[in-house]
Amino acid sequence: VEELVKAGWKNIIKNPTVKDLEENFRQIVNQRNLKELNDEVLTDNEFNELLSQINNLQSPVDVNNYLISTNKYPIYLKRDNGKEVYLNLFDSRMIGAGDSIYQIAEQVNFETDKMYNNRRGDITLLINGLPLIHIELKASGVEVEQATNQIQKYVKEGVFTGLFNMVQVFFAITPEDSLYFANY
């Protein structure tokens, strides 16, 4: 985390729930789109529609296309009053520049199906409130594959759904080794 902060990541969010991160995302969407929203923040219904769009993306390719499309064609949303708005969620041309917001979420609390214990992710990196990178850490002497297996188990248990459907890259890291792979 210290190295990420040195590299420009800010706003460390400790021990958030998924709901906390959804609210964080909502605040950023409202902030980034004040003009488009006519200074009227998204209602609960409108925000849930946006989350539904994200959750309905069927594959990492769909997520990537959704993210890329925001560069040229912002995300369409119909407001409760019937007006159409186009939201700017993410602009890959502004990574490392512009007004992108970089945050670190430490120890995210994931609620899972009752047949599993709730899960906790080590580090999630957010760009404009979107969880795009997930990192699992293991101690020195532990095989990096244990972190990889943990990620795969979390995927099977449905941890990376909803807003976390947006994760594009996973990292498995020990002090001695690291692996990274695209979401699958």
Protein backbone atom coordinates (compact mmCIF):
# COMPACT_ATOMS: atom_id res chain seq x y z
CA VAL A 1 0.00 0.00 0.00
CA GLU A 2 2.87 2.36 0.81
CA GLU A 3 4.33 1.81 -2.67
CA LEU A 4 0.95 2.44 -4.29
CA VAL A 5 0.58 5.71 -2.36
CA LYS A 6 4.04 6.76 -3.55
CA ALA A 7 2.87 6.03 -7.11
CA GLY A 8 -0.13 8.35 -6.76
CA TRP A 9 -2.92 6.16 -5.41
CA LYS A 10 -4.82 8.00 -2.69
CA ASN A 11 -7.85 7.83 -0.45
CA ILE A 12 -7.23 4.56 1.35
CA ILE A 13 -10.56 2.99 2.30
CA LYS A 14 -10.07 0.51 5.14
CA ASN A 15 -12.36 -2.48 5.78
CA PRO A 16 -15.18 -1.43 3.46
CA THR A 17 -18.17 -3.55 2.62
CA VAL A 18 -19.28 -3.86 -0.99
CA LYS A 19 -22.15 -1.49 -0.11
CA ASP A 20 -19.59 1.08 1.13
CA LEU A 21 -17.77 0.85 -2.20
CA GLU A 22 -21.02 1.12 -4.13
CA GLU A 23 -21.78 4.35 -2.25
CA ASN A 24 -18.23 5.58 -2.96
CA PHE A 25 -18.78 4.84 -6.67
CA ARG A 26 -22.13 6.65 -6.57
CA GLN A 27 -20.52 9.77 -5.08
CA ILE A 28 -17.83 9.76 -7.74
CA VAL A 29 -20.37 9.29 -10.57
CA ASN A 30 -22.37 12.21 -9.20
CA GLN A 31 -19.24 14.36 -8.81
CA ARG A 32 -17.90 13.57 -12.30
CA ASN A 33 -21.27 14.15 -13.97
CA LEU A 34 -22.72 17.17 -12.14
CA LYS A 35 -23.25 19.09 -15.37
CA GLU A 36 -24.86 16.12 -17.19
CA LEU A 37 -27.09 15.48 -14.16
CA ASN A 38 -28.16 19.13 -14.04
CA ASP A 39 -26.82 19.32 -10.46
CA GLU A 40 -29.34 16.63 -9.40
CA VAL A 41 -27.63 13.55 -7.97
CA LEU A 42 -28.73 10.08 -9.01
CA THR A 43 -31.75 8.74 -7.18
CA ASP A 44 -31.63 5.29 -5.59
CA ASN A 45 -33.61 3.91 -8.53
CA GLU A 46 -31.28 5.49 -11.11
CA PHE A 47 -28.16 4.30 -9.32
CA ASN A 48 -29.58 0.78 -9.04
CA GLU A 49 -30.20 0.86 -12.81
CA LEU A 50 -26.54 1.77 -13.34
CA LEU A 51 -25.44 -1.09 -11.05
CA SER A 52 -27.80 -3.40 -12.95
CA GLN A 53 -26.11 -2.46 -16.23
CA ILE A 54 -22.73 -3.34 -14.69
CA ASN A 55 -23.97 -6.59 -13.17
CA ASN A 56 -25.52 -7.68 -16.48
CA LEU A 57 -22.19 -7.60 -18.30
CA GLN A 58 -21.63 -11.25 -19.14
CA SER A 59 -17.86 -11.51 -19.49
CA PRO A 60 -14.62 -9.62 -18.93
CA VAL A 61 -14.71 -8.80 -22.66
CA ASP A 62 -18.13 -7.18 -22.18
CA VAL A 63 -16.75 -5.23 -19.20
CA ASN A 64 -13.75 -4.10 -21.24
CA ASN A 65 -16.00 -3.01 -24.10
CA TYR A 66 -18.24 -1.18 -21.61
CA LEU A 67 -15.20 0.64 -20.21
CA ILE A 68 -13.78 1.43 -23.64
CA SER A 69 -17.15 2.63 -24.88
CA THR A 70 -17.17 5.32 -22.21
CA ASN A 71 -14.26 6.98 -24.05
CA LYS A 72 -16.44 7.87 -27.05
CA TYR A 73 -19.96 6.99 -26.03
CA PRO A 74 -20.77 7.69 -22.39
CA ILE A 75 -23.12 5.36 -20.57
CA TYR A 76 -26.81 5.99 -21.23
CA LEU A 77 -29.23 6.23 -18.33
CA LYS A 78 -32.90 7.18 -18.28
CA ARG A 79 -33.72 9.36 -15.29
CA ASP A 80 -36.80 8.87 -13.14
CA ASN A 81 -38.25 12.04 -14.69
CA GLY A 82 -37.98 10.48 -18.17
CA LYS A 83 -34.98 12.56 -19.31
CA GLU A 84 -32.02 10.78 -20.87
CA VAL A 85 -28.49 11.38 -19.60
CA TYR A 86 -25.13 10.09 -20.67
CA LEU A 87 -22.67 9.45 -17.86
CA ASN A 88 -18.92 9.56 -18.02
CA LEU A 89 -17.67 6.78 -15.75
CA PHE A 90 -14.20 6.10 -17.05
CA ASP A 91 -11.88 7.37 -19.74
CA SER A 92 -8.90 5.13 -20.43
CA ARG A 93 -7.21 8.05 -22.20
CA MET A 94 -7.08 9.81 -18.81
CA ILE A 95 -5.30 7.04 -16.90
CA GLY A 96 -2.37 8.69 -15.17
CA ALA A 97 -3.69 12.11 -16.15
CA GLY A 98 -6.82 14.20 -16.18
CA ASP A 99 -9.37 13.99 -13.41
CA SER A 100 -9.30 10.25 -12.72
CA ILE A 101 -9.63 9.32 -9.05
CA TYR A 102 -7.31 6.57 -7.74
CA GLN A 103 -8.25 4.79 -4.52
CA ILE A 104 -7.06 1.79 -2.54
CA ALA A 105 -9.60 -0.41 -0.73
CA GLU A 106 -7.96 -2.55 1.95
CA GLN A 107 -9.61 -5.67 3.36
CA VAL A 108 -12.89 -5.50 1.44
CA ASN A 109 -15.63 -7.47 3.21
CA PHE A 110 -17.50 -9.60 0.68
CA GLU A 111 -20.83 -11.11 1.65
CA THR A 112 -21.26 -14.50 0.07
CA ASP A 113 -23.92 -17.17 -0.12
CA LYS A 114 -24.79 -18.57 3.32
CA MET A 115 -23.10 -21.87 2.44
CA TYR A 116 -19.72 -20.05 2.44
CA ASN A 117 -18.09 -17.94 5.09
CA ASN A 118 -17.95 -14.27 4.23
CA ARG A 119 -14.74 -13.42 2.42
CA ARG A 120 -12.22 -10.63 2.75
CA GLY A 121 -10.12 -9.40 -0.17
CA ASP A 122 -6.69 -7.97 0.57
CA ILE A 123 -6.43 -4.98 -1.77
CA THR A 124 -8.67 -3.66 -4.51
CA LEU A 125 -7.61 -0.74 -6.69
CA LEU A 126 -10.38 1.60 -7.79
CA ILE A 127 -10.29 4.04 -10.67
CA ASN A 128 -13.18 6.50 -10.52
CA GLY A 129 -14.75 4.22 -7.93
CA LEU A 130 -14.68 1.19 -10.24
CA PRO A 131 -12.86 -1.87 -8.82
CA LEU A 132 -10.59 -2.74 -11.74
CA ILE A 133 -7.65 -4.50 -10.08
CA HIS A 134 -7.76 -7.04 -7.26
CA ILE A 135 -4.68 -8.18 -5.32
CA GLU A 136 -4.35 -11.13 -2.96
CA LEU A 137 -1.26 -11.17 -0.75
CA LYS A 138 0.44 -14.06 0.99
CA ALA A 139 3.25 -14.10 3.54
CA SER A 140 6.86 -14.92 2.85
CA GLY A 141 7.40 -18.64 2.36
CA VAL A 142 3.84 -19.27 1.16
CA GLU A 143 3.52 -20.39 -2.45
CA VAL A 144 2.05 -17.69 -4.70
CA GLU A 145 -0.31 -20.33 -6.10
CA GLN A 146 -2.19 -20.25 -2.78
CA ALA A 147 -3.20 -16.65 -3.56
CA THR A 148 -4.16 -17.71 -7.09
CA ASN A 149 -6.25 -20.58 -5.70
CA GLN A 150 -7.93 -18.17 -3.28
CA ILE A 151 -8.90 -15.85 -6.16
CA GLN A 152 -10.27 -18.78 -8.15
CA LYS A 153 -12.27 -19.95 -5.14
CA TYR A 154 -13.71 -16.45 -4.66
CA VAL A 155 -14.70 -16.33 -8.33
CA LYS A 156 -16.55 -19.66 -8.01
CA GLU A 157 -18.28 -18.43 -4.85
CA GLY A 158 -19.61 -15.35 -6.62
CA VAL A 159 -17.50 -12.72 -4.85
CA PHE A 160 -16.69 -10.85 -8.07
CA THR A 161 -20.23 -9.93 -9.09
CA GLY A 162 -22.20 -6.70 -8.95
CA LEU A 163 -19.81 -3.75 -8.89
CA PHE A 164 -16.93 -6.25 -8.61
CA ASN A 165 -17.94 -7.61 -12.00
CA MET A 166 -15.70 -4.76 -13.25
CA VAL A 167 -12.43 -6.37 -12.05
CA GLN A 168 -10.16 -6.73 -15.08
CA VAL A 169 -6.89 -7.99 -13.59
CA PHE A 170 -5.96 -10.17 -10.61
CA PHE A 171 -2.58 -10.17 -8.89
CA ALA A 172 -1.30 -12.91 -6.57
CA ILE A 173 1.72 -11.66 -4.63
CA THR A 174 4.19 -12.91 -2.05
CA PRO A 175 7.41 -11.09 -1.09
CA GLU A 176 9.28 -13.58 -3.32
CA ASP A 177 6.96 -14.01 -6.28
CA SER A 178 4.01 -12.58 -8.14
CA LEU A 179 1.55 -13.65 -10.79
CA TYR A 180 -1.04 -11.66 -12.61
CA PHE A 181 -3.81 -12.69 -14.94
CA ALA A 182 -6.84 -11.24 -16.64
CA ASN A 183 -10.28 -11.91 -15.28
CA TYR A 184 -11.79 -14.93 -17.00
